[in-house]
C-alpha cells in the first residue's frame, strides 16, 4: 500500500515541505510612460443614413398606429353598445318572467284561501312592475280581504286607492 492514509490522500501530498516556494518572484522591470494619445473625435453623419426615408417611415408608423387605434376604439364602442343592449333586454325578460311568476303564484294562493301569502307575492310583483292594472286590481282585492281581520291592511288599502 505504501503510505495510504485511508482518506484518499497519497503520501506525496501530506509529506510535502510547506516552506517550499511554488514560484520565484521576478524583479519588476523599469516603467517607461507611453506618449499621450492626442487625437480628438467628432461625431460624423452616417453617409448611408437617409433622413427623408427615416422621417417617412416614422410618419407612416404613426399614421398606421393612429388608424389602427381608431378602428379598435370604434369596434370596442360598437361591442360595448351591443353588450349594453343585450344586458337591458335580458334584464327586461327576466323582470317579465319574475313578474308573471309572482302574479300567478299570488293568484294561486288567493284561490287556495291564503290571502296573506298572496299579498306578499303581489307586493313583490308590485316592486317589479307597479304600472300593471291587473296587479293593482288583485292587490286591492287581497287588501280588502285582509282588511276584514286587521286594520293595518285597511290603512294600506286606503293608501293604495289614493295612489291610483
Protein backbone atom coordinates (compact mmCIF):
# COMPACT_ATOMS: atom_id res chain seq x y z
CA UNK A 1 0.00 0.00 0.00
CA UNK A 2 2.84 2.33 0.68
CA UNK A 3 1.61 5.35 2.59
CA UNK A 4 -2.16 5.18 2.10
CA UNK A 5 -3.90 7.09 4.93
CA UNK A 6 -7.44 5.92 4.20
CA UNK A 7 -8.72 9.43 3.48
CA UNK A 8 -7.97 9.43 -0.22
CA UNK A 9 -4.66 11.24 0.30
CA UNK A 10 -1.41 9.96 -1.08
CA UNK A 11 1.91 10.16 0.72
CA UNK A 12 3.45 12.77 -1.53
CA UNK A 13 0.54 15.17 -0.69
CA UNK A 14 0.86 15.11 3.08
CA UNK A 15 4.65 14.84 3.18
CA UNK A 16 5.35 17.99 1.17
CA UNK A 17 7.57 20.70 2.61
CA UNK A 18 5.32 23.69 3.43
CA UNK A 19 8.28 26.11 3.17
CA UNK A 20 8.96 25.17 -0.41
CA UNK A 21 8.24 28.05 -2.84
CA UNK A 22 5.99 27.30 -5.78
CA UNK A 23 7.46 30.06 -7.96
CA UNK A 24 10.16 32.66 -7.78
CA UNK A 25 9.42 36.36 -7.71
CA UNK A 26 10.97 38.21 -10.55
CA UNK A 27 12.20 41.77 -10.13
CA UNK A 28 9.99 44.48 -11.67
CA UNK A 29 11.07 45.84 -14.98
CA UNK A 30 11.60 49.55 -15.34
CA UNK A 31 8.49 51.57 -16.25
CA UNK A 32 8.53 53.99 -19.14
CA UNK A 33 5.50 56.17 -19.76
CA UNK A 34 3.82 55.99 -23.15
CA UNK A 35 3.19 59.21 -25.02
CA UNK A 36 -0.29 60.68 -24.60
CA UNK A 37 -2.75 59.95 -27.40
CA UNK A 38 -3.76 63.40 -28.56
CA UNK A 39 -6.29 62.78 -31.29
CA UNK A 40 -9.84 64.14 -30.85
CA UNK A 41 -13.01 62.67 -32.31
CA UNK A 42 -16.15 64.34 -33.52
CA UNK A 43 -19.49 62.81 -34.45
CA UNK A 44 -19.99 62.46 -38.15
CA UNK A 45 -23.13 61.89 -40.12
CA UNK A 46 -23.52 58.37 -41.39
CA UNK A 47 -23.49 58.70 -45.14
CA UNK A 48 -25.72 55.66 -45.56
CA UNK A 49 -28.40 57.19 -43.32
CA UNK A 50 -31.25 58.78 -45.24
CA UNK A 51 -33.08 61.34 -43.12
CA UNK A 52 -36.02 61.64 -45.52
CA UNK A 53 -36.58 57.90 -45.56
CA UNK A 54 -36.39 57.68 -41.78
CA UNK A 55 -38.86 60.56 -41.42
CA UNK A 56 -41.23 58.94 -43.91
CA UNK A 57 -41.06 55.61 -42.09
CA UNK A 58 -41.75 57.34 -38.77
CA UNK A 59 -44.73 59.24 -40.20
CA UNK A 60 -46.14 56.05 -41.75
CA UNK A 61 -45.71 54.16 -38.49
CA UNK A 62 -47.51 56.88 -36.52
CA UNK A 63 -50.30 57.08 -39.12
CA UNK A 64 -50.80 53.29 -39.12
CA UNK A 65 -50.84 53.24 -35.34
CA UNK A 66 -53.47 56.00 -35.20
CA UNK A 67 -55.57 54.33 -37.88
CA UNK A 68 -55.43 51.00 -36.06
CA UNK A 69 -56.31 52.74 -32.79
CA UNK A 70 -59.35 54.44 -34.34
CA UNK A 71 -60.67 51.15 -35.75
CA UNK A 72 -60.04 49.36 -32.46
CA UNK A 73 -61.82 52.08 -30.46
CA UNK A 74 -64.80 52.07 -32.85
CA UNK A 75 -65.01 48.29 -32.64
CA UNK A 76 -64.90 48.47 -28.84
CA UNK A 77 -67.63 51.13 -28.74
CA UNK A 78 -69.88 49.06 -31.02
CA UNK A 79 -69.29 45.97 -28.91
CA UNK A 80 -69.97 47.91 -25.71
CA UNK A 81 -73.26 49.30 -27.09
CA UNK A 82 -74.36 45.86 -28.26
CA UNK A 83 -73.46 44.34 -24.90
CA UNK A 84 -75.40 47.06 -23.06
CA UNK A 85 -78.47 46.43 -25.23
CA UNK A 86 -78.18 42.68 -24.61
CA UNK A 87 -77.98 43.26 -20.86
CA UNK A 88 -81.03 45.55 -20.97
CA UNK A 89 -83.12 43.08 -22.98
CA UNK A 90 -82.06 40.19 -20.73
CA UNK A 91 -82.96 42.21 -17.64
CA UNK A 92 -86.37 43.13 -19.08
CA UNK A 93 -87.01 39.49 -19.99
CA UNK A 94 -86.08 38.29 -16.51
CA UNK A 95 -88.20 41.03 -14.92
CA UNK A 96 -91.19 39.97 -17.02
CA UNK A 97 -90.69 36.31 -16.11
CA UNK A 98 -90.38 37.23 -12.44
CA UNK A 99 -93.47 39.43 -12.59
CA UNK A 100 -95.60 36.76 -14.28
CA UNK A 101 -94.40 34.10 -11.82
CA UNK A 102 -95.20 36.28 -8.80
CA UNK A 103 -98.65 37.25 -10.10
CA UNK A 104 -99.54 33.64 -10.93
CA UNK A 105 -98.24 32.46 -7.55
CA UNK A 106 -100.27 35.16 -5.79
CA UNK A 107 -103.42 34.23 -7.70
CA UNK A 108 -102.93 30.56 -6.78
CA UNK A 109 -102.52 31.49 -3.12
CA UNK A 110 -105.60 33.69 -3.29
CA UNK A 111 -107.60 30.83 -4.83
CA UNK A 112 -106.33 28.44 -2.12
CA UNK A 113 -107.53 30.90 0.55
CA UNK A 114 -104.09 32.16 1.66
CA UNK A 115 -104.59 35.91 1.31
CA UNK A 116 -101.55 36.92 3.40
CA UNK A 117 -99.19 34.85 1.19
CA UNK A 118 -100.94 36.23 -1.91
CA UNK A 119 -100.44 39.76 -0.57
CA UNK A 120 -96.69 39.20 -0.10
CA UNK A 121 -96.41 37.84 -3.68
CA UNK A 122 -98.38 40.78 -5.09
CA UNK A 123 -96.25 43.24 -3.14
CA UNK A 124 -93.06 41.74 -4.64
CA UNK A 125 -94.62 41.84 -8.11
CA UNK A 126 -95.56 45.49 -7.49
CA UNK A 127 -91.87 46.29 -6.90
CA UNK A 128 -91.05 44.76 -10.29
CA UNK A 129 -93.87 46.42 -12.27
CA UNK A 130 -96.00 48.98 -10.43
CA UNK A 131 -97.91 50.05 -13.59
CA UNK A 132 -99.83 46.82 -14.15
CA UNK A 133 -103.60 47.36 -13.84
CA UNK A 134 -104.27 43.66 -13.32
CA UNK A 135 -101.79 43.57 -10.43
CA UNK A 136 -103.29 46.69 -8.86
CA UNK A 137 -106.76 45.15 -9.05
CA UNK A 138 -105.54 41.90 -7.44
CA UNK A 139 -103.71 43.89 -4.75
CA UNK A 140 -106.90 45.84 -3.93
CA UNK A 141 -108.93 42.62 -3.74
CA UNK A 142 -106.37 40.98 -1.47
CA UNK A 143 -106.15 44.03 0.80
CA UNK A 144 -109.94 44.20 1.06
CA UNK A 145 -109.98 40.53 2.16
CA UNK A 146 -107.21 41.15 4.72
CA UNK A 147 -108.85 44.37 5.93
CA UNK A 148 -111.68 42.36 7.49
CA UNK A 149 -109.25 40.82 10.03
CA UNK A 150 -106.62 43.55 10.53
CA UNK A 151 -106.97 47.34 10.44
CA UNK A 152 -103.36 47.87 9.31
CA UNK A 153 -104.30 46.40 5.94
CA UNK A 154 -107.22 48.85 5.78
CA UNK A 155 -104.76 51.75 6.06
CA UNK A 156 -102.67 50.24 3.30
CA UNK A 157 -105.81 49.74 1.18
CA UNK A 158 -106.67 53.42 1.62
CA UNK A 159 -103.12 54.37 0.63
CA UNK A 160 -103.28 52.12 -2.44
CA UNK A 161 -106.58 53.60 -3.53
CA UNK A 162 -105.20 57.14 -3.12
CA UNK A 163 -102.21 56.36 -5.32
CA UNK A 164 -104.44 55.17 -8.15
